[in-house]
Protein backbone atom coordinates (compact mmCIF):
# COMPACT_ATOMS: atom_id res chain seq x y z
CA UNK A 1 -0.11 -0.02 -0.15
CA UNK A 2 2.76 2.44 0.90
CA UNK A 3 4.76 1.59 -2.31
CA UNK A 4 1.78 2.28 -4.55
CA UNK A 5 0.95 5.78 -2.87
CA UNK A 6 3.84 7.60 -4.47
CA UNK A 7 3.32 5.96 -7.84
CA UNK A 8 -0.50 7.01 -7.75
CA UNK A 9 0.36 10.54 -7.02
CA UNK A 10 3.19 10.57 -9.63
CA UNK A 11 0.64 9.57 -12.35
CA UNK A 12 -1.53 12.82 -12.18
CA UNK A 13 1.51 14.79 -11.81
CA UNK A 14 3.08 13.44 -14.95
CA UNK A 15 0.00 14.11 -16.76
CA UNK A 16 -0.31 17.46 -15.71
CA UNK A 17 3.28 18.23 -16.77
CA UNK A 18 2.76 16.65 -20.16
CA UNK A 19 -0.25 18.66 -20.58
CA UNK A 20 1.27 22.04 -19.86
CA UNK A 21 4.39 20.94 -21.98
CA UNK A 22 1.98 20.39 -24.96
CA UNK A 23 0.26 23.57 -24.33
CA UNK A 24 3.46 25.39 -24.44
CA UNK A 25 4.47 23.92 -27.69
CA UNK A 26 1.19 24.79 -29.16
CA UNK A 27 1.40 28.32 -27.98
CA UNK A 28 4.73 28.84 -29.60
CA UNK A 29 3.23 29.53 -33.13
CA UNK A 30 0.79 32.01 -31.82
CA UNK A 31 2.96 33.94 -29.27
CA UNK A 32 6.31 34.07 -31.07
CA UNK A 33 5.18 36.22 -34.01
CA UNK A 34 3.62 38.58 -31.64
CA UNK A 35 6.66 38.86 -29.41
CA UNK A 36 8.85 39.31 -32.59
CA UNK A 37 6.59 42.01 -33.63
CA UNK A 38 6.79 43.96 -30.40
CA UNK A 39 10.42 43.50 -30.14
CA UNK A 40 11.07 44.46 -33.76
CA UNK A 41 9.11 47.69 -33.35
CA UNK A 42 12.09 48.91 -31.07
CA UNK A 43 14.75 48.03 -33.60
CA UNK A 44 16.30 50.26 -36.16
CA UNK A 45 15.05 49.48 -39.73
CA UNK A 46 18.58 48.10 -40.62
CA UNK A 47 18.30 45.46 -37.84
CA UNK A 48 14.99 43.99 -38.65
CA UNK A 49 16.00 41.64 -41.39
CA UNK A 50 19.72 41.39 -40.17
CA UNK A 51 21.39 38.16 -40.72
CA UNK A 52 22.07 36.20 -38.48
CA UNK A 53 18.50 37.38 -36.98
CA UNK A 54 18.46 38.53 -33.49
CA UNK A 55 15.13 38.60 -31.32
CA UNK A 56 16.41 41.61 -29.44
CA UNK A 57 18.44 44.68 -30.39
CA UNK A 58 21.25 46.32 -28.40
CA UNK A 59 20.26 49.73 -29.18
CA UNK A 60 16.43 49.96 -28.73
CA UNK A 61 14.54 52.91 -29.86
CA UNK A 62 10.98 54.06 -29.67
CA UNK A 63 11.32 56.40 -32.64
CA UNK A 64 9.04 54.22 -34.89
CA UNK A 65 6.08 54.94 -32.60
CA UNK A 66 6.40 58.67 -32.96
CA UNK A 67 7.16 58.41 -36.51
CA UNK A 68 3.81 56.40 -37.09
CA UNK A 69 1.69 59.44 -35.66
CA UNK A 70 3.87 61.97 -37.91
CA UNK A 71 3.67 60.07 -41.17
CA UNK A 72 -0.08 60.04 -41.31
CA UNK A 73 -3.06 61.10 -39.17
CA UNK A 74 -2.62 57.70 -37.07
CA UNK A 75 -4.23 59.15 -33.94
CA UNK A 76 -7.37 60.16 -35.95
CA UNK A 77 -7.41 56.73 -37.63
CA UNK A 78 -6.99 55.05 -34.28
CA UNK A 79 -9.92 56.84 -32.86
CA UNK A 80 -12.06 55.88 -36.16
CA UNK A 81 -11.45 52.19 -35.49
CA UNK A 82 -12.30 52.64 -31.85
CA UNK A 83 -15.58 54.51 -32.16
CA UNK A 84 -16.79 52.43 -35.21
CA UNK A 85 -16.04 49.01 -33.30
CA UNK A 86 -17.93 50.49 -30.11
CA UNK A 87 -20.89 51.57 -32.15
CA UNK A 88 -21.15 48.33 -34.01
CA UNK A 89 -20.72 46.31 -30.76
CA UNK A 90 -23.52 48.01 -29.11
CA UNK A 91 -25.81 47.82 -32.05
CA UNK A 92 -24.97 44.17 -32.50
CA UNK A 93 -25.70 43.54 -28.74
CA UNK A 94 -29.10 45.22 -28.89
CA UNK A 95 -30.20 43.56 -32.15
CA UNK A 96 -28.93 40.18 -31.40
CA UNK A 97 -30.47 40.05 -27.82
CA UNK A 98 -33.85 41.13 -29.08
CA UNK A 99 -33.79 38.85 -32.02
CA UNK A 100 -32.28 35.91 -30.15
CA UNK A 101 -34.98 36.20 -27.45
CA UNK A 102 -37.74 36.35 -30.08
CA UNK A 103 -36.45 33.26 -31.77
CA UNK A 104 -35.89 31.28 -28.48
CA UNK A 105 -39.22 32.26 -26.65
CA UNK A 106 -41.79 33.76 -28.77
CA UNK A 107 -43.74 31.25 -30.82
CA UNK A 108 -44.96 32.51 -34.42
CA UNK A 109 -45.67 30.75 -37.66
CA UNK A 110 -42.52 30.11 -39.70
CA UNK A 111 -40.30 30.82 -36.82
CA UNK A 112 -37.76 27.88 -37.52
CA UNK A 113 -37.68 28.76 -41.25
CA UNK A 114 -37.00 32.40 -40.71
CA UNK A 115 -34.30 31.37 -38.29
CA UNK A 116 -32.79 29.17 -41.15
CA UNK A 117 -33.03 32.11 -43.64
CA UNK A 118 -31.07 34.23 -41.09
CA UNK A 119 -28.43 31.56 -40.61
CA UNK A 120 -27.78 31.51 -44.60
CA UNK A 121 -26.50 34.98 -44.06
CA UNK A 122 -23.26 33.33 -42.43
CA UNK A 123 -22.91 31.36 -45.63
CA UNK A 124 -22.79 34.56 -48.19
CA UNK A 125 -19.13 35.89 -48.33
CA UNK A 126 -18.88 39.70 -48.15
CA UNK A 127 -17.07 39.76 -51.67
CA UNK A 128 -20.37 38.65 -53.22
CA UNK A 129 -22.40 41.52 -51.83
CA UNK A 130 -19.80 44.25 -51.82
CA UNK A 131 -20.56 45.57 -55.32
CA UNK A 132 -24.46 45.83 -55.04
CA UNK A 133 -23.74 47.42 -51.36
CA UNK A 134 -21.42 49.85 -52.88
CA UNK A 135 -23.86 50.96 -55.61
CA UNK A 136 -26.66 51.28 -52.88
CA UNK A 137 -24.48 53.43 -50.51
CA UNK A 138 -23.18 55.54 -53.55
CA UNK A 139 -26.76 56.40 -54.42
CA UNK A 140 -27.39 57.28 -50.75
CA UNK A 141 -24.36 59.54 -50.78
CA UNK A 142 -22.65 57.54 -47.83
CA UNK A 143 -19.47 56.62 -49.72
CA UNK A 144 -16.49 57.98 -48.10
CA UNK A 145 -18.26 57.99 -44.84
CA UNK A 146 -18.29 55.59 -41.98
CA UNK A 147 -22.00 54.72 -42.30
CA UNK A 148 -21.32 51.73 -44.54
CA UNK A 149 -18.77 50.29 -42.02
CA UNK A 150 -21.21 50.56 -39.33
CA UNK A 151 -24.28 49.38 -41.13
CA UNK A 152 -22.83 46.47 -43.04
CA UNK A 153 -21.06 45.21 -39.97
CA UNK A 154 -23.86 45.63 -37.42
CA UNK A 155 -26.48 43.96 -39.65
CA UNK A 156 -24.46 41.41 -41.56
CA UNK A 157 -22.60 38.14 -40.48
CA UNK A 158 -21.36 39.26 -37.22
CA UNK A 159 -24.96 40.09 -36.14
CA UNK A 160 -26.20 36.69 -37.55
CA UNK A 161 -23.63 34.87 -35.42
CA UNK A 162 -24.48 36.97 -32.40
CA UNK A 163 -28.10 36.02 -32.92
CA UNK A 164 -27.39 32.37 -32.80
CA UNK A 165 -25.31 32.63 -29.59
CA UNK A 166 -28.09 34.75 -27.89
CA UNK A 167 -30.87 32.13 -29.06
CA UNK A 168 -28.84 29.21 -27.88
CA UNK A 169 -28.33 30.88 -24.44
CA UNK A 170 -32.00 32.05 -23.98
CA UNK A 171 -33.00 28.50 -24.85
CA UNK A 172 -31.31 26.98 -22.08
CA UNK A 173 -32.69 29.50 -19.53
CA UNK A 174 -35.44 27.62 -17.23
CA UNK A 175 -38.98 28.66 -18.48
CA UNK A 176 -40.06 28.77 -14.84
CA UNK A 177 -38.28 32.05 -14.52
CA UNK A 178 -40.38 33.76 -17.09
CA UNK A 179 -43.50 32.18 -15.58
CA UNK A 180 -42.85 33.49 -12.38
CA UNK A 181 -42.07 37.02 -13.77
CA UNK A 182 -45.30 36.85 -15.77
CA UNK A 183 -47.32 36.09 -12.54
CA UNK A 184 -45.53 39.27 -10.99
CA UNK A 185 -47.21 41.34 -13.79
CA UNK A 186 -44.19 41.75 -16.15
CA UNK A 187 -44.93 41.90 -19.96
CA UNK A 188 -42.87 40.24 -22.78
CA UNK A 189 -40.30 43.30 -22.82
CA UNK A 190 -40.00 43.59 -19.10
CA UNK A 191 -39.15 39.69 -18.86
CA UNK A 192 -36.50 40.21 -21.48
CA UNK A 193 -35.09 43.48 -19.93
CA UNK A 194 -35.28 42.72 -16.19
CA UNK A 195 -34.95 38.90 -16.04
CA UNK A 196 -33.49 37.40 -19.17
CA UNK A 197 -30.93 40.20 -20.02
CA UNK A 198 -29.17 40.32 -16.73
CA UNK A 199 -28.80 36.45 -16.67
CA UNK A 200 -27.22 36.72 -20.28
CA UNK A 201 -23.93 38.47 -19.26
CA UNK A 202 -21.93 35.68 -20.43
CA UNK A 203 -23.38 35.38 -23.90
CA UNK A 204 -23.27 39.06 -24.18
CA UNK A 205 -19.70 39.22 -23.48
CA UNK A 206 -19.02 36.62 -26.04
CA UNK A 207 -20.94 38.59 -28.40
CA UNK A 208 -19.07 41.73 -27.51
CA UNK A 209 -15.62 40.12 -28.11
CA UNK A 210 -16.58 38.39 -31.35
CA UNK A 211 -18.25 41.64 -32.66
CA UNK A 212 -15.55 44.03 -31.62
CA UNK A 213 -12.84 42.01 -33.14
CA UNK A 214 -14.68 41.47 -36.39
CA UNK A 215 -15.27 45.28 -36.73
CA UNK A 216 -11.66 46.06 -35.53
CA UNK A 217 -9.96 43.84 -38.25
CA UNK A 218 -12.27 44.79 -41.00
CA UNK A 219 -10.11 45.66 -44.06
CA UNK A 220 -12.27 45.01 -47.32
CA UNK A 221 -15.00 47.37 -46.56
CA UNK A 222 -12.84 50.35 -45.54
CA UNK A 223 -10.80 49.70 -48.76
CA UNK A 224 -13.91 50.02 -50.84
CA UNK A 225 -15.98 52.74 -49.28
CA UNK A 226 -13.08 55.04 -47.87
CA UNK A 227 -10.76 57.27 -49.75
CA UNK A 228 -9.65 60.04 -47.45
CA UNK A 229 -6.72 59.18 -45.01
CA UNK A 230 -8.39 60.99 -42.17
CA UNK A 231 -11.29 58.57 -42.39
CA UNK A 232 -9.22 55.45 -42.74
CA UNK A 233 -9.41 52.70 -40.07
CA UNK A 234 -6.30 50.92 -38.69
CA UNK A 235 -6.21 47.96 -40.87
CA UNK A 236 -6.36 50.29 -43.85
CA UNK A 237 -3.87 52.67 -42.56
CA UNK A 238 -1.17 49.95 -41.82
CA UNK A 239 -0.68 49.40 -45.51
CA UNK A 240 0.26 53.01 -46.04
CA UNK A 241 3.52 53.09 -44.17
CA UNK A 242 5.75 53.27 -47.18
CA UNK A 243 8.69 55.44 -48.10
CA UNK A 244 8.62 57.81 -51.24
CA UNK A 245 10.04 54.85 -53.45
CA UNK A 246 7.24 52.40 -52.46
CA UNK A 247 9.38 50.48 -49.91
CA UNK A 248 8.02 49.20 -46.68
CA UNK A 249 8.68 51.13 -43.42
CA UNK A 250 8.95 47.96 -41.50
CA UNK A 251 9.70 49.33 -38.09
CA UNK A 252 7.03 51.96 -38.26
CA UNK A 253 4.54 49.57 -39.49
CA UNK A 254 5.45 47.16 -36.85
CA UNK A 255 5.19 49.81 -34.12
CA UNK A 256 1.59 50.93 -35.51
CA UNK A 257 0.66 47.02 -35.68
CA UNK A 258 1.73 46.79 -31.93
CA UNK A 259 -0.49 49.58 -30.90
CA UNK A 260 -3.44 48.07 -32.84
CA UNK A 261 -3.53 44.87 -30.71
CA UNK A 262 -3.79 46.75 -27.35
CA UNK A 263 -7.74 47.34 -27.44
CA UNK A 264 -8.19 43.79 -28.41
CA UNK A 265 -6.32 42.39 -25.75
CA UNK A 266 -7.89 44.67 -23.10
CA UNK A 267 -11.43 43.75 -24.25
CA UNK A 268 -10.56 39.97 -24.22
CA UNK A 269 -8.90 40.18 -20.75
CA UNK A 270 -11.77 41.84 -19.30
CA UNK A 271 -14.44 39.44 -20.72
CA UNK A 272 -12.51 36.19 -21.13
CA UNK A 273 -14.19 34.29 -18.29
CA UNK A 274 -17.71 35.27 -19.57
CA UNK A 275 -16.62 34.44 -22.98
CA UNK A 276 -15.65 30.86 -22.10
CA UNK A 277 -18.88 30.41 -20.12
CA UNK A 278 -21.12 31.54 -23.01
CA UNK A 279 -19.30 29.08 -25.42
CA UNK A 280 -20.31 26.29 -22.96
CA UNK A 281 -23.95 27.43 -22.48
CA UNK A 282 -24.58 28.12 -26.29
CA UNK A 283 -23.40 24.60 -27.45
CA UNK A 284 -20.46 26.04 -29.37
CA UNK A 285 -18.01 24.21 -26.93
CA UNK A 286 -16.12 21.18 -28.53
């Protein structure tokens, strides 16, 4: 009995060590490029592609960060991406919470068929609809404004996915909660606002992260709809760091790219626990 006890304790410890080692190996392809980007943003341009390569530099400099703001209106472009992503996220949260609750709790003719039609929106690539949408926004006088970026993102594929997540979450809520609220005199909207919505914080956090990330990384639509540099968003602005001969300003571009990942990391770190909980409740886990 005594000889088996150390072995029995060693088994779980070995499995845990093996698991952590595997996770570290799997994390390398994701973390090393990011760390290289941050480290290279502090290098002089001549050292970024030096041979043999070095991860760090002996003479770090932050000149590329100030040059990013001097080369083009990067602060304005940064603000554009932030406020567009926030507006789109709020709109998607509102629309998906209402639509998800309706598909989950309100019975009406053709509900399932309509939900399937909504899900089809996930199967349509944005490249297919970009031309007719451009013509529509051009006739409405919205080209070279931020309205197309807000409207297309808020009511397209990100909103469809958000509606699916919210529907799955509301379906999992006990019906008895609504019945008790109805006995207390709450109507349909009151039940949604006072009972279901506060309980849906994990799902709302997941929707917020996915929507913010989708809007933050948007590139095709800004390239099509925007022509003025002061209206650019960050993904579009990152492609404009070139010298007069068309060469890439790699250190400046890497510094600008490093600054673009900060808001996404902040949003994810704040809501990561709710994000994982939502995936488990919505049926997207595994």
